[in-house]
């Protein structure tokens, strides 16, 4: 097994660089890597001029098109004056010599992240508000004016799911470590059951979930939607189904689902109610082919986790729980197989 990556940063060199490229930045600077996250290592920078967040590409051999921090920087910049809350970004560095890989720096937001979707620290009414707020942010995201934000070329139009199935099948094959029958079933079933293209094209987040949001410390308001690495132009139902997966996954898994939880007692909406709230916000009556979108989401997440597992085996993962995350692949695929059976 390869040696684990060294994720430390030469803070003296970094401070010298940032003082030249960010207005008002003053060193010295110290760094602390945030726990969590499976993809792009993220750090708290503490400088004389204040706190910042740095997000970088990992080191080592990476899958093609993965870890695109430059795309993250672009989309966050573009959303600065929209109804989608994002952090302010300061600088993108494409010079690998500074810290060893491409990175960008953005503002530090002093909020809270909810890691447990059951929201045990909140009241029943507050839980309801959190899920409604997430729903609102998703509708705002899917209503972004692509021309006005300069994002009309942020992805290719048409055949989104076909391209995504092809892409993630390729990514999965590149990271495959064993044959999983349920994945083979999905890889065969999804292309054969593609819904007819309805022409919907919006900005999609790609990893829209509770713990990718920074909430206010004293309200249920989202201050920033984070982790835009997988964002592109695509079909809005991909985001909706991706978030709804959590309502079906086990609560005792590393992915902290709600499938075996009494959600009504907690004030957390059912899948049907959550989808209906989204439809109401978007002015649509219903979502045909819902099982396809769910099955696709489970397939895609399993493919992503296979990449996490592969990086862990190679010693290139930024997260200490990467090996355990790899153990969630089979349960996810089993849920997907049940949806299409």
Protein backbone atom coordinates (compact mmCIF):
# COMPACT_ATOMS: atom_id res chain seq x y z
CA UNK A 1 0.00 0.00 0.00
CA UNK A 2 1.23 3.50 -0.86
CA UNK A 3 2.16 5.98 1.83
CA UNK A 4 -0.62 8.24 3.05
CA UNK A 5 -0.69 11.68 1.50
CA UNK A 6 0.87 14.53 3.42
CA UNK A 7 -1.88 17.17 3.45
CA UNK A 8 0.18 19.76 5.34
CA UNK A 9 0.85 23.13 3.74
CA UNK A 10 3.95 25.34 3.69
CA UNK A 11 2.23 28.24 5.43
CA UNK A 12 5.13 30.67 5.01
CA UNK A 13 5.09 30.24 1.24
CA UNK A 14 1.29 30.35 1.19
CA UNK A 15 1.14 33.57 3.22
CA UNK A 16 3.63 35.27 0.92
CA UNK A 17 1.55 34.26 -2.08
CA UNK A 18 -1.83 35.30 -0.65
CA UNK A 19 -0.53 38.69 0.48
CA UNK A 20 0.24 39.37 -3.18
CA UNK A 21 -3.12 38.13 -4.51
CA UNK A 22 -5.84 38.91 -1.93
CA UNK A 23 -6.56 42.51 -0.98
CA UNK A 24 -6.04 43.08 2.73
CA UNK A 25 -4.58 39.64 3.44
CA UNK A 26 -1.93 39.74 6.17
CA UNK A 27 0.25 36.91 7.44
CA UNK A 28 1.46 35.01 9.26
CA UNK A 29 -1.01 32.19 8.65
CA UNK A 30 -1.67 28.81 10.25
CA UNK A 31 -3.74 25.99 8.77
CA UNK A 32 -5.97 23.26 10.14
CA UNK A 33 -7.55 20.62 7.92
CA UNK A 34 -11.28 20.19 8.38
CA UNK A 35 -12.50 16.72 9.28
CA UNK A 36 -14.98 15.12 6.92
CA UNK A 37 -15.21 15.39 3.17
CA UNK A 38 -14.28 12.70 0.70
CA UNK A 39 -12.87 14.66 -2.19
CA UNK A 40 -11.10 18.01 -2.07
CA UNK A 41 -9.15 18.63 1.17
CA UNK A 42 -10.41 21.77 2.90
CA UNK A 43 -8.61 23.90 5.49
CA UNK A 44 -9.27 26.68 7.94
CA UNK A 45 -6.66 29.40 7.47
CA UNK A 46 -6.08 31.63 10.47
CA UNK A 47 -4.25 34.79 9.46
CA UNK A 48 -3.52 38.17 11.00
CA UNK A 49 -6.21 39.62 8.74
CA UNK A 50 -8.84 37.06 9.81
CA UNK A 51 -10.08 33.57 9.02
CA UNK A 52 -10.38 32.09 5.54
CA UNK A 53 -11.12 28.72 3.97
CA UNK A 54 -8.79 27.04 1.47
CA UNK A 55 -9.95 24.20 -0.77
CA UNK A 56 -7.45 22.27 -2.86
CA UNK A 57 -7.11 19.39 -5.26
CA UNK A 58 -5.69 16.25 -3.68
CA UNK A 59 -2.25 15.04 -4.69
CA UNK A 60 -1.52 11.86 -6.65
CA UNK A 61 -3.10 10.27 -9.70
CA UNK A 62 -6.70 11.48 -10.03
CA UNK A 63 -9.60 10.34 -12.17
CA UNK A 64 -10.13 12.46 -15.26
CA UNK A 65 -12.33 15.53 -14.64
CA UNK A 66 -12.47 14.86 -10.88
CA UNK A 67 -11.61 17.36 -8.12
CA UNK A 68 -12.23 20.38 -10.36
CA UNK A 69 -11.68 23.19 -7.87
CA UNK A 70 -11.46 25.67 -10.74
CA UNK A 71 -15.06 24.83 -11.69
CA UNK A 72 -16.08 25.23 -8.06
CA UNK A 73 -14.48 28.66 -7.99
CA UNK A 74 -16.24 29.69 -11.19
CA UNK A 75 -19.74 28.66 -10.13
CA UNK A 76 -19.46 30.14 -6.63
CA UNK A 77 -18.26 33.41 -8.14
CA UNK A 78 -21.16 33.42 -10.59
CA UNK A 79 -23.76 32.89 -7.85
CA UNK A 80 -22.60 35.82 -5.72
CA UNK A 81 -25.60 38.03 -6.50
CA UNK A 82 -28.33 35.41 -6.82
CA UNK A 83 -30.88 33.88 -4.44
CA UNK A 84 -28.53 30.93 -3.86
CA UNK A 85 -26.43 31.61 -0.74
CA UNK A 86 -22.70 30.99 -1.26
CA UNK A 87 -19.44 31.99 0.38
CA UNK A 88 -17.49 34.91 -1.07
CA UNK A 89 -14.47 33.69 -3.04
CA UNK A 90 -11.21 35.63 -3.09
CA UNK A 91 -8.69 33.91 -5.34
CA UNK A 92 -8.04 30.85 -7.51
CA UNK A 93 -4.44 29.64 -7.71
CA UNK A 94 -3.64 27.38 -10.65
CA UNK A 95 0.10 27.34 -9.86
CA UNK A 96 0.87 23.92 -8.36
CA UNK A 97 4.20 25.13 -6.98
CA UNK A 98 2.58 27.15 -4.18
CA UNK A 99 1.16 24.28 -2.11
CA UNK A 100 1.51 21.33 -4.48
CA UNK A 101 -1.90 21.48 -6.18
CA UNK A 102 -4.51 23.92 -7.49
CA UNK A 103 -6.56 25.68 -4.79
CA UNK A 104 -8.88 28.56 -4.08
CA UNK A 105 -9.53 30.71 -1.03
CA UNK A 106 -12.94 31.87 0.17
CA UNK A 107 -14.45 33.52 3.21
CA UNK A 108 -14.90 31.68 6.48
CA UNK A 109 -18.56 31.58 7.52
CA UNK A 110 -19.18 31.16 11.23
CA UNK A 111 -22.24 28.95 11.14
CA UNK A 112 -23.24 25.40 11.94
CA UNK A 113 -23.33 22.17 9.96
CA UNK A 114 -25.88 19.47 10.73
CA UNK A 115 -24.20 16.09 10.28
CA UNK A 116 -27.10 14.00 11.58
CA UNK A 117 -30.22 14.27 9.36
CA UNK A 118 -32.41 13.41 12.38
CA UNK A 119 -31.41 16.83 13.80
CA UNK A 120 -31.53 15.68 17.44
CA UNK A 121 -30.40 19.08 18.71
CA UNK A 122 -33.47 20.83 17.27
CA UNK A 123 -37.15 20.93 18.10
CA UNK A 124 -39.80 19.32 15.90
CA UNK A 125 -40.75 22.72 14.45
CA UNK A 126 -37.12 23.60 13.80
CA UNK A 127 -36.54 20.30 11.99
CA UNK A 128 -39.47 21.04 9.72
CA UNK A 129 -38.00 24.48 9.02
CA UNK A 130 -34.56 23.05 8.15
CA UNK A 131 -35.98 20.67 5.56
CA UNK A 132 -38.22 23.36 4.12
CA UNK A 133 -35.23 25.70 3.89
CA UNK A 134 -33.23 23.07 2.00
CA UNK A 135 -36.17 22.66 -0.36
CA UNK A 136 -36.29 26.43 -0.88
CA UNK A 137 -32.58 26.62 -1.66
CA UNK A 138 -32.89 23.80 -4.18
CA UNK A 139 -35.74 25.55 -5.97
CA UNK A 140 -33.69 28.77 -6.02
CA UNK A 141 -30.73 26.90 -7.47
CA UNK A 142 -32.83 25.39 -10.24
CA UNK A 143 -34.26 28.83 -11.02
CA UNK A 144 -30.88 30.55 -11.57
CA UNK A 145 -30.74 32.55 -14.81
CA UNK A 146 -27.90 30.87 -16.71
CA UNK A 147 -27.40 33.72 -19.16
CA UNK A 148 -27.36 36.44 -16.49
CA UNK A 149 -24.82 34.54 -14.38
CA UNK A 150 -22.57 33.65 -17.32
CA UNK A 151 -23.10 29.94 -16.73
CA UNK A 152 -24.85 29.06 -19.99
CA UNK A 153 -21.71 27.17 -21.09
CA UNK A 154 -21.07 25.48 -17.72
CA UNK A 155 -22.17 22.13 -19.15
CA UNK A 156 -23.49 20.55 -22.30
CA UNK A 157 -27.22 20.80 -23.09
CA UNK A 158 -29.38 17.77 -23.80
CA UNK A 159 -29.15 14.06 -22.96
CA UNK A 160 -28.00 14.78 -19.40
CA UNK A 161 -28.84 11.43 -17.89
CA UNK A 162 -27.43 9.51 -20.84
CA UNK A 163 -24.13 11.36 -20.53
CA UNK A 164 -24.09 10.98 -16.75
CA UNK A 165 -24.71 7.25 -16.95
CA UNK A 166 -21.88 6.89 -19.45
CA UNK A 167 -19.55 9.08 -17.40
CA UNK A 168 -20.16 7.39 -14.07
CA UNK A 169 -20.02 3.95 -15.60
CA UNK A 170 -16.57 4.85 -16.94
CA UNK A 171 -15.53 6.33 -13.58
CA UNK A 172 -16.79 3.24 -11.80
CA UNK A 173 -14.93 0.91 -14.16
CA UNK A 174 -11.74 2.93 -13.66
CA UNK A 175 -12.03 2.49 -9.88
CA UNK A 176 -13.60 -0.99 -9.81
CA UNK A 177 -12.13 -3.41 -7.27
CA UNK A 178 -14.63 -6.27 -7.49
CA UNK A 179 -17.70 -7.39 -9.43
CA UNK A 180 -20.97 -6.35 -7.78
CA UNK A 181 -24.05 -7.89 -9.37
CA UNK A 182 -26.43 -5.10 -8.39
CA UNK A 183 -24.14 -2.55 -10.07
CA UNK A 184 -24.05 -4.66 -13.23
CA UNK A 185 -27.86 -4.72 -13.13
CA UNK A 186 -28.04 -0.93 -12.88
CA UNK A 187 -25.45 -0.36 -15.60
CA UNK A 188 -27.64 -2.44 -17.92
CA UNK A 189 -31.04 -1.13 -16.72
CA UNK A 190 -30.49 2.63 -16.65
CA UNK A 191 -29.68 3.19 -20.37
CA UNK A 192 -32.65 1.01 -21.32
CA UNK A 193 -35.07 3.02 -19.19
CA UNK A 194 -34.07 6.60 -19.92
CA UNK A 195 -37.07 8.94 -19.80
CA UNK A 196 -37.68 10.98 -22.93
CA UNK A 197 -35.68 14.22 -22.77
CA UNK A 198 -38.10 16.90 -21.51
CA UNK A 199 -35.76 19.80 -22.27
CA UNK A 200 -35.26 20.87 -18.65
CA UNK A 201 -31.81 22.40 -18.19
CA UNK A 202 -30.71 24.13 -15.00
CA UNK A 203 -27.66 24.55 -12.85
CA UNK A 204 -27.40 21.43 -10.69
CA UNK A 205 -25.29 21.09 -7.56
CA UNK A 206 -24.48 17.41 -7.89
CA UNK A 207 -24.05 16.77 -4.16
CA UNK A 208 -27.08 18.50 -2.68
CA UNK A 209 -27.40 17.30 0.90
CA UNK A 210 -27.82 18.54 4.44
CA UNK A 211 -24.17 18.50 5.50
CA UNK A 212 -23.11 20.55 2.47
CA UNK A 213 -24.98 23.54 3.90
CA UNK A 214 -23.83 26.06 6.47
CA UNK A 215 -26.75 27.18 8.63
CA UNK A 216 -27.08 30.24 10.82
CA UNK A 217 -26.26 29.52 14.46
CA UNK A 218 -29.54 30.94 15.75
CA UNK A 219 -32.04 30.31 12.93
CA UNK A 220 -32.82 27.60 10.40
CA UNK A 221 -31.57 29.82 7.55
CA UNK A 222 -28.88 28.59 5.14
CA UNK A 223 -25.90 30.95 4.98
CA UNK A 224 -24.04 29.06 2.24
CA UNK A 225 -24.39 26.00 0.04
CA UNK A 226 -20.93 24.42 -0.25
CA UNK A 227 -18.97 21.73 -2.12
CA UNK A 228 -19.66 22.57 -5.76
CA UNK A 229 -17.18 20.13 -7.30
CA UNK A 230 -19.86 18.10 -9.11
CA UNK A 231 -21.92 21.07 -10.27
CA UNK A 232 -22.80 21.40 -13.94
CA UNK A 233 -25.72 22.15 -16.24
CA UNK A 234 -28.13 19.28 -16.06
CA UNK A 235 -31.54 18.03 -15.08
CA UNK A 236 -32.98 19.43 -11.84
CA UNK A 237 -34.57 16.13 -10.82
CA UNK A 238 -31.09 14.68 -10.37
CA UNK A 239 -30.52 16.98 -7.36
CA UNK A 240 -33.98 16.30 -5.95
CA UNK A 241 -33.65 12.52 -6.18
CA UNK A 242 -30.11 12.65 -4.83
CA UNK A 243 -31.27 14.40 -1.68
CA UNK A 244 -34.27 12.10 -1.32
CA UNK A 245 -31.95 9.08 -1.21
CA UNK A 246 -31.24 10.01 2.40
CA UNK A 247 -34.89 9.36 3.23
CA UNK A 248 -34.36 5.74 2.16
CA UNK A 249 -30.89 4.89 3.48
CA UNK A 250 -30.29 3.21 6.84
CA UNK A 251 -29.77 5.38 9.90
CA UNK A 252 -26.92 3.18 11.17
CA UNK A 253 -24.81 3.59 8.04
CA UNK A 254 -21.85 5.93 7.57
CA UNK A 255 -24.15 7.95 5.30
CA UNK A 256 -26.73 8.56 8.09
CA UNK A 257 -30.01 7.87 6.38
CA UNK A 258 -33.60 8.17 7.57
CA UNK A 259 -35.10 5.05 6.02
CA UNK A 260 -35.81 3.31 9.32
CA UNK A 261 -36.71 6.42 11.33
CA UNK A 262 -40.18 7.67 12.32
CA UNK A 263 -39.81 10.93 10.41
CA UNK A 264 -43.34 12.17 11.13
CA UNK A 265 -42.64 12.05 14.86
CA UNK A 266 -39.50 14.12 14.33
CA UNK A 267 -41.15 16.71 12.07
CA UNK A 268 -39.17 15.56 9.02
CA UNK A 269 -41.22 15.32 5.81
CA UNK A 270 -41.94 12.14 3.92
CA UNK A 271 -40.43 11.72 0.48
CA UNK A 272 -43.84 12.35 -1.09
CA UNK A 273 -44.32 15.57 0.90
CA UNK A 274 -40.80 16.81 0.16
CA UNK A 275 -41.20 16.22 -3.58
CA UNK A 276 -44.65 17.88 -3.51
CA UNK A 277 -43.19 20.96 -1.79
CA UNK A 278 -40.50 21.20 -4.47
CA UNK A 279 -43.07 20.81 -7.24
CA UNK A 280 -45.18 23.58 -5.72
CA UNK A 281 -42.18 25.90 -5.61
CA UNK A 282 -41.25 25.11 -9.21
CA UNK A 283 -44.82 25.39 -10.51
CA UNK A 284 -45.10 21.80 -11.75
CA UNK A 285 -47.78 19.21 -11.05
CA UNK A 286 -45.73 16.05 -10.57
CA UNK A 287 -42.54 14.22 -11.51
CA UNK A 288 -43.00 11.28 -13.89
CA UNK A 289 -40.43 8.44 -13.90
CA UNK A 290 -39.48 9.14 -10.27
CA UNK A 291 -38.06 5.64 -9.76
CA UNK A 292 -35.61 6.17 -12.61
CA UNK A 293 -34.23 9.34 -11.01
CA UNK A 294 -33.88 7.58 -7.65
CA UNK A 295 -32.16 4.54 -9.17
CA UNK A 296 -29.81 6.80 -11.10
CA UNK A 297 -28.93 8.67 -7.91
CA UNK A 298 -28.05 5.50 -6.02
CA UNK A 299 -25.98 4.32 -9.00
CA UNK A 300 -24.09 7.60 -9.18
CA UNK A 301 -23.39 7.76 -5.44
CA UNK A 302 -22.13 4.17 -5.50
CA UNK A 303 -19.80 5.07 -8.36
CA UNK A 304 -18.51 8.09 -6.42
CA UNK A 305 -17.89 5.95 -3.33
CA UNK A 306 -16.06 3.40 -5.47
CA UNK A 307 -13.63 6.20 -6.34
CA UNK A 308 -13.29 6.98 -2.62
CA UNK A 309 -12.56 3.33 -1.94
CA UNK A 310 -9.98 3.17 -4.72
CA UNK A 311 -8.19 6.28 -3.40
CA UNK A 312 -8.21 4.79 0.09
CA UNK A 313 -6.59 1.59 -1.13
CA UNK A 314 -3.99 3.67 -2.97
CA UNK A 315 -3.33 5.84 0.10
CA UNK A 316 -4.60 9.01 -1.59
CA UNK A 317 -7.74 9.69 0.42
CA UNK A 318 -8.12 12.91 2.42
CA UNK A 319 -10.61 11.32 4.83
CA UNK A 320 -9.85 8.86 7.60
CA UNK A 321 -13.24 7.18 7.11
CA UNK A 322 -12.75 6.50 3.41
CA UNK A 323 -12.34 2.75 3.85
CA UNK A 324 -15.57 2.56 5.84
CA UNK A 325 -17.37 4.63 3.21
CA UNK A 326 -16.41 1.99 0.69
CA UNK A 327 -18.42 -0.52 2.71
CA UNK A 328 -21.60 1.43 1.92
CA UNK A 329 -21.43 0.66 -1.81
CA UNK A 330 -23.21 -2.69 -1.68
CA UNK A 331 -26.09 -1.53 0.59
CA UNK A 332 -26.70 1.46 -1.70
CA UNK A 333 -26.81 -0.75 -4.76
CA UNK A 334 -29.18 -3.14 -3.03
CA UNK A 335 -31.61 -0.27 -2.40
CA UNK A 336 -31.36 0.74 -6.06
CA UNK A 337 -32.01 -2.81 -7.21
CA UNK A 338 -35.14 -2.91 -5.03
CA UNK A 339 -36.42 0.28 -6.66
CA UNK A 340 -36.22 -1.13 -10.19
CA UNK A 341 -37.28 -4.70 -9.40
